[in-house]
Amino acid sequence: MFKLKKIIGGRTNVPEIRTIKVNSISSEIAAGTPISIYHGGVRPMDENVDYPATHIVVCDVKRGDTILKVYDILPGMVFSVDCQGDPTTYKIYEEHAISNGSLLSRESMSWKSGAVVYETPEVGDKEVLVTFPCAY
């Protein structure tokens, strides 16, 4: 799951949580999952998408829910996320796909999906610092 680590140039690292109404959710979504909201539809990020993440889910969501607690993904936000495989395969400014709340070790197939490595991890690290291409 994605955890906000810092907001560059900001004085606080606490995002503003919003409660929003959306179309009925088609599947469960875990807290900390990046999603894209478009025309009221919620689309969780995964390795096959070609759209940018717009929000992070704050609380677990059940199938059929129409109310979400989220925060907007804004420029300057840096997140930590679990990585798969050898952390040294993640290079700064590379874009990687997201699956099940983790960062895949292969690069994303699309320029506007996934997350971008913010800082190259060290050997033994379990998490990677990333940003998102901003959808706004």
C-alpha atoms as a PDB file:
ATOM      1  CA  MET A   1       0.000   0.000   0.000  1.00  0.00           C
ATOM      2  CA  PHE A   2       1.113   3.545  -0.664  1.00  0.00           C
ATOM      3  CA  LYS A   3       1.957   5.730   2.363  1.00  0.00           C
ATOM      4  CA  LEU A   4       2.526   9.468   2.065  1.00  0.00           C
ATOM      5  CA  LYS A   5       6.072  10.236   3.255  1.00  0.00           C
ATOM      6  CA  LYS A   6       6.387  13.937   2.515  1.00  0.00           C
ATOM      7  CA  ILE A   7       5.047  16.823   0.517  1.00  0.00           C
ATOM      8  CA  ILE A   8       7.918  18.719  -1.072  1.00  0.00           C
ATOM      9  CA  GLY A   9       7.790  22.388  -0.206  1.00  0.00           C
ATOM     10  CA  GLY A  10       4.905  21.775   2.193  1.00  0.00           C
ATOM     11  CA  ARG A  11       4.813  22.423   5.909  1.00  0.00           C
ATOM     12  CA  THR A  12       2.808  19.330   6.794  1.00  0.00           C
ATOM     13  CA  ASN A  13       2.726  15.760   5.550  1.00  0.00           C
ATOM     14  CA  VAL A  14      -0.926  15.224   6.404  1.00  0.00           C
ATOM     15  CA  PRO A  15      -3.201  15.189   3.350  1.00  0.00           C
ATOM     16  CA  GLU A  16      -6.690  16.632   3.380  1.00  0.00           C
ATOM     17  CA  ILE A  17      -9.163  13.739   3.428  1.00  0.00           C
ATOM     18  CA  ARG A  18     -12.298  14.132   1.338  1.00  0.00           C
ATOM     19  CA  THR A  19     -15.519  12.138   1.365  1.00  0.00           C
ATOM     20  CA  ILE A  20     -16.835  11.779  -2.176  1.00  0.00           C
ATOM     21  CA  LYS A  21     -19.799  10.088  -3.849  1.00  0.00           C
ATOM     22  CA  VAL A  22     -18.997   7.808  -6.791  1.00  0.00           C
ATOM     23  CA  ASN A  23     -20.684   5.152  -8.893  1.00  0.00           C
ATOM     24  CA  SER A  24     -21.081   1.740  -7.259  1.00  0.00           C
ATOM     25  CA  ILE A  25     -17.663   0.133  -6.665  1.00  0.00           C
ATOM     26  CA  SER A  26     -17.198  -3.100  -8.663  1.00  0.00           C
ATOM     27  CA  SER A  27     -14.674  -4.736  -6.315  1.00  0.00           C
ATOM     28  CA  GLU A  28     -13.094  -4.372  -2.877  1.00  0.00           C
ATOM     29  CA  ILE A  29     -10.296  -1.805  -2.567  1.00  0.00           C
ATOM     30  CA  ALA A  30      -7.810  -1.780   0.310  1.00  0.00           C
ATOM     31  CA  ALA A  31      -6.823   1.392   2.139  1.00  0.00           C
ATOM     32  CA  GLY A  32      -3.674   2.919   0.647  1.00  0.00           C
ATOM     33  CA  THR A  33      -4.506   1.851  -2.909  1.00  0.00           C
ATOM     34  CA  PRO A  34      -4.039   4.423  -5.679  1.00  0.00           C
ATOM     35  CA  ILE A  35      -7.124   4.833  -7.872  1.00  0.00           C
ATOM     36  CA  SER A  36      -8.317   6.922 -10.786  1.00  0.00           C
ATOM     37  CA  ILE A  37     -11.719   8.575 -10.597  1.00  0.00           C
ATOM     38  CA  TYR A  38     -13.239   9.560 -13.917  1.00  0.00           C
ATOM     39  CA  HIS A  39     -16.887  10.541 -14.534  1.00  0.00           C
ATOM     40  CA  GLY A  40     -17.829   9.072 -11.140  1.00  0.00           C
ATOM     41  CA  GLY A  41     -16.252   5.704 -11.928  1.00  0.00           C
ATOM     42  CA  VAL A  42     -13.483   4.301  -9.745  1.00  0.00           C
ATOM     43  CA  ARG A  43     -10.622   2.437 -11.419  1.00  0.00           C
ATOM     44  CA  PRO A  44      -7.932   0.844  -9.193  1.00  0.00           C
ATOM     45  CA  MET A  45      -4.405   1.075 -10.568  1.00  0.00           C
ATOM     46  CA  ASP A  46      -2.862  -2.127 -11.888  1.00  0.00           C
ATOM     47  CA  GLU A  47      -0.243  -3.219 -14.397  1.00  0.00           C
ATOM     48  CA  ASN A  48      -2.649  -3.079 -17.355  1.00  0.00           C
ATOM     49  CA  VAL A  49      -3.947   0.496 -17.049  1.00  0.00           C
ATOM     50  CA  ASP A  50      -3.053   3.485 -19.189  1.00  0.00           C
ATOM     51  CA  TYR A  51      -4.549   6.262 -17.076  1.00  0.00           C
ATOM     52  CA  PRO A  52      -2.972   8.255 -14.233  1.00  0.00           C
ATOM     53  CA  ALA A  53      -3.763   7.782 -10.546  1.00  0.00           C
ATOM     54  CA  THR A  54      -5.800  10.673  -9.115  1.00  0.00           C
ATOM     55  CA  HIS A  55      -6.480   9.654  -5.492  1.00  0.00           C
ATOM     56  CA  ILE A  56      -5.384   7.370  -2.643  1.00  0.00           C
ATOM     57  CA  VAL A  57      -8.105   5.448  -0.783  1.00  0.00           C
ATOM     58  CA  VAL A  58      -8.059   6.186   2.967  1.00  0.00           C
ATOM     59  CA  CYS A  59     -10.362   3.404   4.275  1.00  0.00           C
ATOM     60  CA  ASP A  60     -11.097  -0.093   2.978  1.00  0.00           C
ATOM     61  CA  VAL A  61     -13.913  -0.079   0.406  1.00  0.00           C
ATOM     62  CA  LYS A  62     -16.442  -2.876  -0.094  1.00  0.00           C
ATOM     63  CA  ARG A  63     -18.016  -3.910  -3.360  1.00  0.00           C
ATOM     64  CA  GLY A  64     -21.119  -1.811  -4.034  1.00  0.00           C
ATOM     65  CA  ASP A  65     -20.043   1.150  -1.870  1.00  0.00           C
ATOM     66  CA  THR A  66     -20.787   4.588  -3.304  1.00  0.00           C
ATOM     67  CA  ILE A  67     -19.025   6.750  -0.704  1.00  0.00           C
ATOM     68  CA  LEU A  68     -15.216   6.934  -0.556  1.00  0.00           C
ATOM     69  CA  LYS A  69     -12.765   8.607   1.784  1.00  0.00           C
ATOM     70  CA  VAL A  70      -9.779   9.665  -0.312  1.00  0.00           C
ATOM     71  CA  TYR A  71      -7.101  12.263  -0.678  1.00  0.00           C
ATOM     72  CA  ASP A  72      -6.009  13.844  -3.924  1.00  0.00           C
ATOM     73  CA  ILE A  73      -2.622  12.973  -5.382  1.00  0.00           C
ATOM     74  CA  LEU A  74      -0.967  16.355  -5.826  1.00  0.00           C
ATOM     75  CA  PRO A  75       2.377  17.488  -7.259  1.00  0.00           C
ATOM     76  CA  GLY A  76       5.155  17.238  -4.696  1.00  0.00           C
ATOM     77  CA  MET A  77       3.745  14.254  -2.808  1.00  0.00           C
ATOM     78  CA  VAL A  78       6.260  11.470  -2.163  1.00  0.00           C
ATOM     79  CA  PHE A  79       5.028   8.007  -1.139  1.00  0.00           C
ATOM     80  CA  SER A  80       6.673   4.836   0.106  1.00  0.00           C
ATOM     81  CA  VAL A  81       5.498   1.553  -1.386  1.00  0.00           C
ATOM     82  CA  ASP A  82       6.526  -2.088  -1.115  1.00  0.00           C
ATOM     83  CA  CYS A  83       8.742  -3.269  -3.936  1.00  0.00           C
ATOM     84  CA  GLN A  84       8.985  -6.671  -5.547  1.00  0.00           C
ATOM     85  CA  GLY A  85      12.324  -8.336  -6.167  1.00  0.00           C
ATOM     86  CA  ASP A  86      15.761  -6.763  -5.876  1.00  0.00           C
ATOM     87  CA  PRO A  87      15.454  -3.102  -4.773  1.00  0.00           C
ATOM     88  CA  THR A  88      18.558  -2.174  -6.782  1.00  0.00           C
ATOM     89  CA  THR A  89      16.569  -2.772  -9.999  1.00  0.00           C
ATOM     90  CA  TYR A  90      14.606   0.421  -9.276  1.00  0.00           C
ATOM     91  CA  LYS A  91      16.346   3.466 -10.753  1.00  0.00           C
ATOM     92  CA  ILE A  92      15.511   7.101 -10.108  1.00  0.00           C
ATOM     93  CA  TYR A  93      12.876   8.602 -12.474  1.00  0.00           C
ATOM     94  CA  GLU A  94      11.890   5.222 -13.930  1.00  0.00           C
ATOM     95  CA  GLU A  95       8.163   4.575 -14.113  1.00  0.00           C
ATOM     96  CA  HIS A  96       6.926   1.235 -12.784  1.00  0.00           C
ATOM     97  CA  ALA A  97       3.597  -0.551 -12.871  1.00  0.00           C
ATOM     98  CA  ILE A  98       1.421  -1.016  -9.768  1.00  0.00           C
ATOM     99  CA  SER A  99      -0.269  -4.271  -8.809  1.00  0.00           C
ATOM    100  CA  ASN A 100      -2.077  -5.157  -5.566  1.00  0.00           C
ATOM    101  CA  GLY A 101      -0.773  -2.032  -3.847  1.00  0.00           C
ATOM    102  CA  SER A 102       2.870  -2.836  -4.659  1.00  0.00           C
ATOM    103  CA  LEU A 103       5.340  -1.589  -7.211  1.00  0.00           C
ATOM    104  CA  LEU A 104       6.301  -4.112  -9.889  1.00  0.00           C
ATOM    105  CA  SER A 105       9.975  -4.409 -10.779  1.00  0.00           C
ATOM    106  CA  ARG A 106       9.268  -3.987 -14.487  1.00  0.00           C
ATOM    107  CA  GLU A 107       8.688  -0.623 -16.100  1.00  0.00           C
ATOM    108  CA  SER A 108       5.165   0.485 -16.893  1.00  0.00           C
ATOM    109  CA  MET A 109       3.937  -0.057 -20.439  1.00  0.00           C
ATOM    110  CA  SER A 110       2.368   3.390 -20.595  1.00  0.00           C
ATOM    111  CA  TRP A 111       3.844   6.785 -19.884  1.00  0.00           C
ATOM    112  CA  LYS A 112       0.939   7.933 -17.702  1.00  0.00           C
ATOM    113  CA  SER A 113       0.254   4.946 -15.468  1.00  0.00           C
ATOM    114  CA  GLY A 114       2.195   3.583 -12.561  1.00  0.00           C
ATOM    115  CA  ALA A 115       4.516   5.459 -10.226  1.00  0.00           C
ATOM    116  CA  VAL A 116       7.885   7.140 -10.761  1.00  0.00           C
ATOM    117  CA  VAL A 117      10.877   6.266  -8.559  1.00  0.00           C
ATOM    118  CA  TYR A 118      11.790   9.341  -6.505  1.00  0.00           C
ATOM    119  CA  GLU A 119      14.906   8.012  -4.821  1.00  0.00           C
ATOM    120  CA  THR A 120      16.968   4.919  -5.653  1.00  0.00           C
ATOM    121  CA  PRO A 121      16.598   2.368  -2.833  1.00  0.00           C
ATOM    122  CA  GLU A 122      19.554   0.796  -1.055  1.00  0.00           C
ATOM    123  CA  VAL A 123      20.329  -2.922  -0.910  1.00  0.00           C
ATOM    124  CA  GLY A 124      18.020  -4.518   1.649  1.00  0.00           C
ATOM    125  CA  ASP A 125      15.303  -1.851   1.423  1.00  0.00           C
ATOM    126  CA  LYS A 126      11.770  -3.237   1.349  1.00  0.00           C
ATOM    127  CA  GLU A 127      10.149   0.014   0.224  1.00  0.00           C
ATOM    128  CA  VAL A 128      10.734   2.481  -2.596  1.00  0.00           C
ATOM    129  CA  LEU A 129      10.013   6.225  -2.524  1.00  0.00           C
ATOM    130  CA  VAL A 130       7.844   7.244  -5.494  1.00  0.00           C
ATOM    131  CA  THR A 131       5.764  10.044  -6.962  1.00  0.00           C
ATOM    132  CA  PHE A 132       2.902   9.908  -9.434  1.00  0.00           C
ATOM    133  CA  PRO A 133       2.606  11.645 -12.786  1.00  0.00           C
ATOM    134  CA  CYS A 134       0.026  14.283 -11.855  1.00  0.00           C
ATOM    135  CA  ALA A 135      -3.399  13.842 -13.415  1.00  0.00           C
ATOM    136  CA  TYR A 136      -4.421  17.435 -12.815  1.00  0.00           C
END
